[in-house]
Amino acid sequence: MSENLGTAADPVYAPPTGKPLGTNNYFKFASWLVIPILKAITKRDWRGAENLPKSGPVIVVSNHISYADPLIFAHFLFANGRAPRFLGKASVFRIPIIGKIIAGSGQIPVERESENASRALVHAVAFLKAGHCLGVYPEGTLTRDKDSWPMVGKTGIARLALLTEATVIPCAQWGAVDILPAYAKIPHLWPRKKIVVQAGPPLDFTPWKGKAEDQESLVQATSYVMDVLTSMLEEIRGSKAPTVRFDPHTSDLPRTGNYKKGSQ
């Protein structure tokens, strides 16, 4: 189990064990419940699994289009040898029973858009030092793009990659919106939906090495991450993304939460 062996101020996590690497009893219990359901409602097209390191610290990044994403992404990683750790929004951890399972499986709550949000980076670094597989959504929330293309990402992913020099694997995915559209509450289970998850080769952060504290470098490196994910998603979807990427910093929409609430 990936329990914190340090303190809240200086977390230290145990190295991953088990098979898939990083699993524990809570993770196994969740997989026994969730994976049969996912198999029943999806047709899976998984690509590029050979790019996922079988051991050692690794950051896997993906585009974010649906609340179903973490389950699908975790299934892809779990089935290919890694039980991932995510930094999830704190409200999910307060859901009875589900919150306990999520916390028990080693996931970490994050109070987004708060003074404590920066603590996520500390926990992420500690996970990677221990040799875990860390799942990250660079956009920080569901994309605000009207056609579900990746939007401008947060620079936390670039800072984390440059600080730790961990391997970063891009994973583009499509199909989750057919099961659970953005911010929808009722899933569409039948007929079975095709889900594509494609893992690409490691990203190259060499141009920005040693520049984890330089804001312009972080912006450039983050744009590079989102460019790769967008290109991969274009291949999956068979269409082109907008020339100008949606930027939540220049939009009137809220940074997090259901921006559609009240307008539906």
Protein backbone atom coordinates (compact mmCIF):
# COMPACT_ATOMS: atom_id res chain seq x y z
CA MET A 1 0.00 0.00 0.00
CA SER A 2 1.33 3.46 -0.92
CA GLU A 3 0.90 4.96 2.52
CA ASN A 4 2.62 8.19 3.52
CA LEU A 5 5.66 7.26 5.63
CA GLY A 6 6.66 10.86 6.21
CA THR A 7 4.71 13.90 7.37
CA ALA A 8 2.14 16.16 5.74
CA ALA A 9 4.89 18.75 5.24
CA ASP A 10 7.43 16.25 3.95
CA PRO A 11 5.64 13.19 2.53
CA VAL A 12 7.55 9.98 1.85
CA TYR A 13 5.83 7.10 0.08
CA ALA A 14 6.69 3.43 0.12
CA PRO A 15 7.97 1.98 -3.17
CA PRO A 16 5.32 0.30 -5.35
CA THR A 17 4.83 -3.42 -4.95
CA GLY A 18 2.47 -6.10 -6.23
CA LYS A 19 1.27 -7.00 -9.68
CA PRO A 20 0.35 -4.77 -11.44
CA LEU A 21 3.15 -2.71 -9.89
CA GLY A 22 1.73 -0.28 -7.35
CA THR A 23 -1.41 -2.21 -6.46
CA ASN A 24 -2.73 -2.73 -2.93
CA ASN A 25 -5.81 -4.31 -1.38
CA TYR A 26 -8.01 -1.25 -1.94
CA PHE A 27 -6.84 -0.96 -5.54
CA LYS A 28 -7.51 -4.67 -6.14
CA PHE A 29 -10.98 -4.39 -4.60
CA ALA A 30 -11.81 -1.41 -6.82
CA SER A 31 -10.52 -3.25 -9.90
CA TRP A 32 -12.69 -6.29 -9.13
CA LEU A 33 -15.74 -4.02 -9.01
CA VAL A 34 -15.02 -1.61 -11.85
CA ILE A 35 -13.13 -3.53 -14.55
CA PRO A 36 -15.93 -6.06 -15.28
CA ILE A 37 -18.33 -3.13 -15.72
CA LEU A 38 -15.94 -1.31 -18.06
CA LYS A 39 -15.44 -4.47 -20.09
CA ALA A 40 -19.21 -4.91 -20.38
CA ILE A 41 -19.89 -1.39 -21.66
CA THR A 42 -16.80 -0.67 -23.79
CA LYS A 43 -14.97 -1.99 -26.82
CA ARG A 44 -11.32 -1.19 -26.16
CA ASP A 45 -8.77 -0.14 -28.75
CA TRP A 46 -5.53 0.17 -26.78
CA ARG A 47 -2.39 1.22 -28.57
CA GLY A 48 1.26 1.85 -27.70
CA ALA A 49 1.36 -0.09 -24.41
CA GLU A 50 4.98 -0.99 -25.23
CA ASN A 51 5.85 2.65 -24.46
CA LEU A 52 4.85 2.28 -20.80
CA PRO A 53 7.86 1.53 -18.54
CA LYS A 54 7.33 -1.66 -16.55
CA SER A 55 9.01 -0.21 -13.46
CA GLY A 56 10.52 3.00 -12.13
CA PRO A 57 9.10 6.50 -11.82
CA VAL A 58 6.93 7.60 -14.71
CA ILE A 59 4.46 10.40 -15.37
CA VAL A 60 1.61 9.53 -17.72
CA VAL A 61 -0.30 12.53 -19.09
CA SER A 62 -3.64 12.54 -20.88
CA ASN A 63 -6.31 14.84 -22.28
CA HIS A 64 -9.40 15.28 -20.09
CA ILE A 65 -12.90 15.14 -21.61
CA SER A 66 -15.19 13.27 -19.19
CA TYR A 67 -15.66 12.29 -15.56
CA ALA A 68 -15.23 8.72 -16.83
CA ASP A 69 -11.63 9.43 -17.86
CA PRO A 70 -9.85 8.36 -14.64
CA LEU A 71 -11.57 4.96 -14.61
CA ILE A 72 -10.75 4.32 -18.27
CA PHE A 73 -7.18 5.61 -17.94
CA ALA A 74 -6.55 3.59 -14.77
CA HIS A 75 -7.94 0.47 -16.50
CA PHE A 76 -5.55 0.96 -19.43
CA LEU A 77 -2.54 1.41 -17.13
CA PHE A 78 -3.58 -1.37 -14.71
CA ALA A 79 -4.02 -3.87 -17.54
CA ASN A 80 -0.58 -2.96 -18.86
CA GLY A 81 1.34 -3.46 -15.64
CA ARG A 82 1.06 -0.23 -13.63
CA ALA A 83 -1.37 0.74 -10.87
CA PRO A 84 -1.32 4.55 -11.10
CA ARG A 85 -1.58 7.28 -8.51
CA PHE A 86 -3.65 10.38 -9.24
CA LEU A 87 -3.96 13.77 -7.58
CA GLY A 88 -7.75 14.18 -7.54
CA LYS A 89 -10.11 16.94 -6.54
CA ALA A 90 -10.78 16.81 -2.80
CA SER A 91 -14.58 16.72 -3.09
CA VAL A 92 -14.48 13.18 -4.54
CA PHE A 93 -12.71 11.94 -1.41
CA ARG A 94 -15.65 13.11 0.71
CA ILE A 95 -18.13 10.80 -1.04
CA PRO A 96 -19.17 8.03 1.40
CA ILE A 97 -17.51 4.64 0.77
CA ILE A 98 -16.16 5.71 -2.65
CA GLY A 99 -13.93 8.32 -1.03
CA LYS A 100 -12.50 5.76 1.38
CA ILE A 101 -11.70 3.35 -1.46
CA ILE A 102 -10.04 6.09 -3.49
CA ALA A 103 -7.93 7.24 -0.54
CA GLY A 104 -7.10 3.67 0.44
CA SER A 105 -5.86 2.90 -3.06
CA GLY A 106 -3.22 5.60 -2.62
CA GLN A 107 -4.74 8.60 -4.38
CA ILE A 108 -4.21 12.11 -2.98
CA PRO A 109 -6.88 14.83 -2.59
CA VAL A 110 -6.16 18.31 -3.95
CA GLU A 111 -8.04 21.49 -3.03
CA ARG A 112 -8.03 23.11 -6.47
CA GLU A 113 -7.76 26.89 -6.86
CA SER A 114 -6.80 27.24 -3.18
CA GLU A 115 -3.68 28.09 -1.20
CA ASN A 116 -3.20 24.36 -0.57
CA ALA A 117 -3.21 23.45 -4.26
CA SER A 118 0.58 23.86 -4.45
CA ARG A 119 0.91 20.94 -2.05
CA ALA A 120 -0.03 18.66 -4.93
CA LEU A 121 3.42 19.17 -6.42
CA VAL A 122 5.08 18.06 -3.16
CA HIS A 123 3.09 14.82 -3.09
CA ALA A 124 3.69 14.23 -6.81
CA VAL A 125 7.45 14.55 -6.35
CA ALA A 126 7.31 12.14 -3.39
CA PHE A 127 5.36 9.57 -5.42
CA LEU A 128 7.95 9.71 -8.19
CA LYS A 129 10.89 9.49 -5.79
CA ALA A 130 9.36 6.25 -4.52
CA GLY A 131 9.13 4.87 -8.08
CA HIS A 132 5.39 5.14 -8.71
CA CYS A 133 3.41 5.69 -11.89
CA LEU A 134 1.74 9.10 -11.60
CA GLY A 135 -1.29 10.01 -13.73
CA VAL A 136 -1.66 13.70 -14.60
CA TYR A 137 -4.25 15.68 -16.53
CA PRO A 138 -2.26 18.78 -17.60
CA GLU A 139 -5.44 20.79 -18.22
CA GLY A 140 -6.38 20.45 -14.55
CA THR A 141 -10.09 20.03 -15.33
CA LEU A 142 -12.36 18.93 -18.17
CA THR A 143 -11.54 20.81 -21.35
CA ARG A 144 -13.67 23.86 -22.03
CA ASP A 145 -13.22 23.49 -25.79
CA LYS A 146 -16.67 23.09 -27.36
CA ASP A 147 -15.54 20.08 -29.42
CA SER A 148 -13.53 18.44 -26.62
CA TRP A 149 -10.09 19.25 -28.04
CA PRO A 150 -7.27 19.80 -25.52
CA MET A 151 -7.09 23.32 -24.14
CA VAL A 152 -4.10 25.26 -22.77
CA GLY A 153 -2.53 23.25 -19.96
CA LYS A 154 -1.34 24.29 -16.53
CA THR A 155 2.42 24.65 -16.08
CA GLY A 156 2.51 22.23 -13.14
CA ILE A 157 3.21 19.31 -15.48
CA ALA A 158 6.28 21.03 -16.93
CA ARG A 159 7.58 21.97 -13.48
CA LEU A 160 7.11 18.41 -12.25
CA ALA A 161 8.86 16.92 -15.29
CA LEU A 162 11.80 19.31 -15.04
CA LEU A 163 12.20 18.96 -11.26
CA THR A 164 12.14 15.16 -11.22
CA GLU A 165 13.47 14.35 -14.72
CA ALA A 166 11.06 11.40 -14.65
CA THR A 167 9.99 9.77 -17.90
CA VAL A 168 6.82 11.41 -19.27
CA ILE A 169 4.53 9.31 -21.48
CA PRO A 170 1.73 11.05 -23.44
CA CYS A 171 -1.57 9.15 -23.64
CA ALA A 172 -4.32 10.48 -25.88
CA GLN A 173 -7.80 9.04 -25.41
CA TRP A 174 -11.20 9.30 -27.06
CA GLY A 175 -14.62 7.74 -26.51
CA ALA A 176 -15.30 8.52 -22.87
CA VAL A 177 -17.65 11.36 -23.86
CA ASP A 178 -19.88 8.80 -25.56
CA ILE A 179 -20.33 7.06 -22.20
CA LEU A 180 -20.52 10.17 -20.02
CA PRO A 181 -20.60 13.57 -21.77
CA ALA A 182 -18.85 16.41 -19.99
CA TYR A 183 -20.60 17.17 -16.67
CA ALA A 184 -23.43 14.74 -17.43
CA LYS A 185 -24.81 12.71 -14.51
CA ILE A 186 -26.42 9.82 -16.37
CA PRO A 187 -24.12 7.52 -18.39
CA HIS A 188 -25.02 6.04 -21.77
CA LEU A 189 -24.19 2.36 -21.29
CA TRP A 190 -25.65 0.70 -24.39
CA PRO A 191 -24.72 -0.06 -27.03
CA ARG A 192 -21.11 -0.65 -26.04
CA LYS A 193 -18.88 2.34 -26.80
CA LYS A 194 -15.51 2.21 -28.51
CA ILE A 195 -12.72 3.59 -26.32
CA VAL A 196 -9.31 4.41 -27.80
CA VAL A 197 -6.28 4.99 -25.57
CA GLN A 198 -2.93 5.50 -27.25
CA ALA A 199 0.40 5.75 -25.38
CA GLY A 200 3.19 7.49 -27.25
CA PRO A 201 6.98 7.55 -26.91
CA PRO A 202 8.54 9.51 -24.00
CA LEU A 203 8.43 13.29 -24.28
CA ASP A 204 11.73 15.18 -24.63
CA PHE A 205 12.18 18.07 -22.20
CA THR A 206 15.86 18.62 -23.07
CA PRO A 207 15.32 22.19 -24.39
CA TRP A 208 14.12 23.27 -20.93
CA LYS A 209 16.43 21.20 -18.70
CA GLY A 210 17.37 23.06 -15.52
CA LYS A 211 14.71 25.73 -16.08
CA ALA A 212 12.04 24.53 -13.63
CA GLU A 213 11.82 28.02 -12.10
CA ASP A 214 11.72 29.97 -15.37
CA GLN A 215 8.10 30.85 -16.14
CA GLU A 216 8.55 31.32 -19.89
CA SER A 217 10.26 27.92 -20.14
CA LEU A 218 7.43 26.32 -18.20
CA VAL A 219 4.87 27.85 -20.58
CA GLN A 220 6.81 26.60 -23.60
CA ALA A 221 7.27 23.10 -22.18
CA THR A 222 3.59 22.87 -21.27
CA SER A 223 2.59 23.97 -24.77
CA TYR A 224 4.85 21.21 -26.10
CA VAL A 225 3.01 18.62 -23.99
CA MET A 226 -0.38 19.82 -25.20
CA ASP A 227 0.84 19.95 -28.83
CA VAL A 228 1.83 16.27 -28.67
CA LEU A 229 -1.45 15.21 -27.05
CA THR A 230 -3.42 17.21 -29.61
CA SER A 231 -1.51 15.68 -32.52
CA MET A 232 -2.11 12.18 -31.14
CA LEU A 233 -5.81 12.94 -30.66
CA GLU A 234 -6.09 14.23 -34.23
CA GLU A 235 -4.82 10.85 -35.42
CA ILE A 236 -7.34 9.00 -33.26
CA ARG A 237 -10.29 11.18 -34.24
CA GLY A 238 -9.30 11.53 -37.89
CA SER A 239 -9.83 15.29 -37.88
CA LYS A 240 -7.93 18.50 -37.19
CA ALA A 241 -8.02 20.48 -33.96
CA PRO A 242 -8.63 24.24 -34.02
CA THR A 243 -5.59 26.31 -35.03
CA VAL A 244 -5.92 28.37 -31.85
CA ARG A 245 -6.16 26.32 -28.66
CA PHE A 246 -8.85 27.28 -26.14
CA ASP A 247 -7.24 29.28 -23.33
CA PRO A 248 -9.08 29.28 -19.97
CA HIS A 249 -6.93 32.22 -18.84
CA THR A 250 -8.55 34.53 -21.39
CA SER A 251 -12.05 33.08 -21.12
CA ASP A 252 -14.94 34.27 -18.97
CA LEU A 253 -15.71 30.67 -18.03
CA PRO A 254 -14.77 29.52 -14.51
CA ARG A 255 -11.41 27.72 -14.26
CA THR A 256 -12.90 24.64 -12.56
CA GLY A 257 -16.31 23.10 -11.89
CA ASN A 258 -19.37 22.65 -14.08
CA TYR A 259 -19.48 25.78 -16.19
CA LYS A 260 -22.66 24.48 -17.88
CA LYS A 261 -24.66 24.42 -14.65
CA GLY A 262 -27.62 26.75 -14.88
CA SER A 263 -27.45 26.92 -18.66
CA GLN A 264 -28.70 23.38 -19.33
